[in-house]
Amino acid sequence: MAATYYCADSENGDHIDDPSEDALFELISELDDTDNTFIVIQPDEDDPVWFASVAVCDEGGYEIVLRDSTRREHKVTTETDVGAIANDLIIWLAARNLPGRPTQHTSTF
């Protein structure tokens, strides 16, 4: 069954459809600096307009990239706390426009 909203893929071939915060925590925890250096989370579609990635940094910790071309958003940060990364990713993913889910609108009253 294909992902309803998005999927996470690691360099070593792990694949999770619609990963939870706990699943993201596990994927990030399993990263290393040899043959499983990154994960990518993106919609399960051709030519996705957004993605998030987490990669192991040479100096320790992780580099997080959040990119959404529809919102002209491109953010690169570093972090060492896997729990904080997983939580931040879930929050960021919840704000994406996802197929089958109503588009979110914000107001500036």
C-alpha atoms as a PDB file:
ATOM      1  CA  MET A   1       0.000   0.000   0.000  1.00  0.00           C
ATOM      2  CA  ALA A   2       1.348   3.440  -0.920  1.00  0.00           C
ATOM      3  CA  ALA A   3       1.736   6.262   1.557  1.00  0.00           C
ATOM      4  CA  THR A   4      -1.379   8.329   2.199  1.00  0.00           C
ATOM      5  CA  TYR A   5       0.597  11.526   2.774  1.00  0.00           C
ATOM      6  CA  TYR A   6       4.375  11.069   2.671  1.00  0.00           C
ATOM      7  CA  CYS A   7       7.116   8.510   3.116  1.00  0.00           C
ATOM      8  CA  ALA A   8      10.530   8.361   4.742  1.00  0.00           C
ATOM      9  CA  ASP A   9      13.458   6.629   3.058  1.00  0.00           C
ATOM     10  CA  SER A  10      16.920   6.080   4.477  1.00  0.00           C
ATOM     11  CA  GLU A  11      20.139   5.569   2.589  1.00  0.00           C
ATOM     12  CA  ASN A  12      20.275   1.912   3.643  1.00  0.00           C
ATOM     13  CA  GLY A  13      16.881   1.196   2.054  1.00  0.00           C
ATOM     14  CA  ASP A  14      14.539   1.461   5.032  1.00  0.00           C
ATOM     15  CA  HIS A  15      11.152   2.786   3.889  1.00  0.00           C
ATOM     16  CA  ILE A  16       8.213   3.851   6.059  1.00  0.00           C
ATOM     17  CA  ASP A  17       4.883   5.125   4.740  1.00  0.00           C
ATOM     18  CA  ASP A  18       3.373   7.983   6.779  1.00  0.00           C
ATOM     19  CA  PRO A  19       5.927   7.674   9.606  1.00  0.00           C
ATOM     20  CA  SER A  20       4.970   8.690  13.136  1.00  0.00           C
ATOM     21  CA  GLU A  21       7.199  10.773  15.381  1.00  0.00           C
ATOM     22  CA  ASP A  22       8.414   7.539  17.000  1.00  0.00           C
ATOM     23  CA  ALA A  23       9.236   6.017  13.604  1.00  0.00           C
ATOM     24  CA  LEU A  24      11.189   9.135  12.614  1.00  0.00           C
ATOM     25  CA  PHE A  25      13.034   8.961  15.940  1.00  0.00           C
ATOM     26  CA  GLU A  26      14.031   5.352  15.181  1.00  0.00           C
ATOM     27  CA  LEU A  27      15.141   6.138  11.609  1.00  0.00           C
ATOM     28  CA  ILE A  28      17.265   9.068  12.786  1.00  0.00           C
ATOM     29  CA  SER A  29      18.722   7.042  15.683  1.00  0.00           C
ATOM     30  CA  GLU A  30      19.864   4.369  13.208  1.00  0.00           C
ATOM     31  CA  LEU A  31      21.859   6.835  11.076  1.00  0.00           C
ATOM     32  CA  ASP A  32      25.641   6.431  11.080  1.00  0.00           C
ATOM     33  CA  ASP A  33      28.626   7.970   9.325  1.00  0.00           C
ATOM     34  CA  THR A  34      29.385   5.064   6.983  1.00  0.00           C
ATOM     35  CA  ASP A  35      26.537   3.511   4.990  1.00  0.00           C
ATOM     36  CA  ASN A  36      23.337   5.036   6.400  1.00  0.00           C
ATOM     37  CA  THR A  37      24.067   8.755   6.513  1.00  0.00           C
ATOM     38  CA  PHE A  38      20.677  10.327   5.698  1.00  0.00           C
ATOM     39  CA  ILE A  39      16.897  10.034   5.514  1.00  0.00           C
ATOM     40  CA  VAL A  40      14.527  11.901   3.200  1.00  0.00           C
ATOM     41  CA  ILE A  41      10.844  12.536   3.893  1.00  0.00           C
ATOM     42  CA  GLN A  42       8.651  13.643   0.996  1.00  0.00           C
ATOM     43  CA  PRO A  43       5.270  13.075  -0.628  1.00  0.00           C
ATOM     44  CA  ASP A  44       4.924   9.714  -2.357  1.00  0.00           C
ATOM     45  CA  GLU A  45       4.524  11.254  -5.818  1.00  0.00           C
ATOM     46  CA  ASP A  46       6.518  12.172  -8.904  1.00  0.00           C
ATOM     47  CA  ASP A  47       8.335  15.516  -8.666  1.00  0.00           C
ATOM     48  CA  PRO A  48       7.399  16.422  -5.057  1.00  0.00           C
ATOM     49  CA  VAL A  49       7.255  20.147  -4.235  1.00  0.00           C
ATOM     50  CA  TRP A  50       8.611  19.723  -0.708  1.00  0.00           C
ATOM     51  CA  PHE A  51      10.978  17.510   1.241  1.00  0.00           C
ATOM     52  CA  ALA A  52      12.754  17.231   4.560  1.00  0.00           C
ATOM     53  CA  SER A  53      16.077  15.515   5.099  1.00  0.00           C
ATOM     54  CA  VAL A  54      18.244  14.622   8.062  1.00  0.00           C
ATOM     55  CA  ALA A  55      21.923  13.825   7.528  1.00  0.00           C
ATOM     56  CA  VAL A  56      24.790  12.938   9.834  1.00  0.00           C
ATOM     57  CA  CYS A  57      27.295  15.799  10.209  1.00  0.00           C
ATOM     58  CA  ASP A  58      31.037  15.070  10.089  1.00  0.00           C
ATOM     59  CA  GLU A  59      31.556  16.972  13.347  1.00  0.00           C
ATOM     60  CA  GLY A  60      28.681  15.192  15.125  1.00  0.00           C
ATOM     61  CA  GLY A  61      24.989  15.886  15.303  1.00  0.00           C
ATOM     62  CA  TYR A  62      22.652  16.169  12.349  1.00  0.00           C
ATOM     63  CA  GLU A  63      21.927  18.616   9.539  1.00  0.00           C
ATOM     64  CA  ILE A  64      18.219  19.142   8.915  1.00  0.00           C
ATOM     65  CA  VAL A  65      17.011  20.566   5.587  1.00  0.00           C
ATOM     66  CA  LEU A  66      13.400  21.698   5.157  1.00  0.00           C
ATOM     67  CA  ARG A  67      12.442  22.725   1.618  1.00  0.00           C
ATOM     68  CA  ASP A  68       9.007  23.695   0.276  1.00  0.00           C
ATOM     69  CA  SER A  69       9.069  25.369  -3.141  1.00  0.00           C
ATOM     70  CA  THR A  70       5.357  26.297  -2.984  1.00  0.00           C
ATOM     71  CA  ARG A  71       6.071  28.438   0.091  1.00  0.00           C
ATOM     72  CA  ARG A  72       9.545  29.586  -0.972  1.00  0.00           C
ATOM     73  CA  GLU A  73      10.863  27.965   2.174  1.00  0.00           C
ATOM     74  CA  HIS A  74      14.389  26.616   2.526  1.00  0.00           C
ATOM     75  CA  LYS A  75      15.781  26.163   6.010  1.00  0.00           C
ATOM     76  CA  VAL A  76      18.996  24.421   7.055  1.00  0.00           C
ATOM     77  CA  THR A  77      19.760  23.815  10.738  1.00  0.00           C
ATOM     78  CA  THR A  78      21.875  21.531  12.887  1.00  0.00           C
ATOM     79  CA  GLU A  79      20.799  19.686  16.017  1.00  0.00           C
ATOM     80  CA  THR A  80      22.093  16.943  18.308  1.00  0.00           C
ATOM     81  CA  ASP A  81      18.863  15.923  20.072  1.00  0.00           C
ATOM     82  CA  VAL A  82      17.136  13.163  18.064  1.00  0.00           C
ATOM     83  CA  GLY A  83      13.870  13.638  19.987  1.00  0.00           C
ATOM     84  CA  ALA A  84      13.806  17.353  19.171  1.00  0.00           C
ATOM     85  CA  ILE A  85      14.490  16.626  15.493  1.00  0.00           C
ATOM     86  CA  ALA A  86      11.657  14.070  15.256  1.00  0.00           C
ATOM     87  CA  ASN A  87       9.257  16.432  17.039  1.00  0.00           C
ATOM     88  CA  ASP A  88      10.198  19.409  14.842  1.00  0.00           C
ATOM     89  CA  LEU A  89       9.800  17.281  11.717  1.00  0.00           C
ATOM     90  CA  ILE A  90       6.292  16.132  12.698  1.00  0.00           C
ATOM     91  CA  ILE A  91       5.254  19.733  13.333  1.00  0.00           C
ATOM     92  CA  TRP A  92       6.721  20.881   9.994  1.00  0.00           C
ATOM     93  CA  LEU A  93       5.142  17.949   8.116  1.00  0.00           C
ATOM     94  CA  ALA A  94       1.727  18.738   9.622  1.00  0.00           C
ATOM     95  CA  ALA A  95       1.840  22.167   7.956  1.00  0.00           C
ATOM     96  CA  ARG A  96       2.404  20.789   4.421  1.00  0.00           C
ATOM     97  CA  ASN A  97      -0.297  20.693   1.783  1.00  0.00           C
ATOM     98  CA  LEU A  98      -0.974  16.982   1.457  1.00  0.00           C
ATOM     99  CA  PRO A  99      -3.143  15.156  -1.095  1.00  0.00           C
ATOM    100  CA  GLY A 100      -6.506  14.178   0.304  1.00  0.00           C
ATOM    101  CA  ARG A 101      -6.305  16.685   3.125  1.00  0.00           C
ATOM    102  CA  PRO A 102      -7.910  20.146   2.901  1.00  0.00           C
ATOM    103  CA  THR A 103      -5.519  23.004   2.193  1.00  0.00           C
ATOM    104  CA  GLN A 104      -4.678  24.923   5.330  1.00  0.00           C
ATOM    105  CA  HIS A 105      -5.362  28.652   5.323  1.00  0.00           C
ATOM    106  CA  THR A 106      -4.011  31.189   7.732  1.00  0.00           C
ATOM    107  CA  SER A 107      -5.451  34.551   8.561  1.00  0.00           C
ATOM    108  CA  THR A 108      -3.740  37.727   9.726  1.00  0.00           C
ATOM    109  CA  PHE A 109      -6.551  39.498  11.547  1.00  0.00           C
END
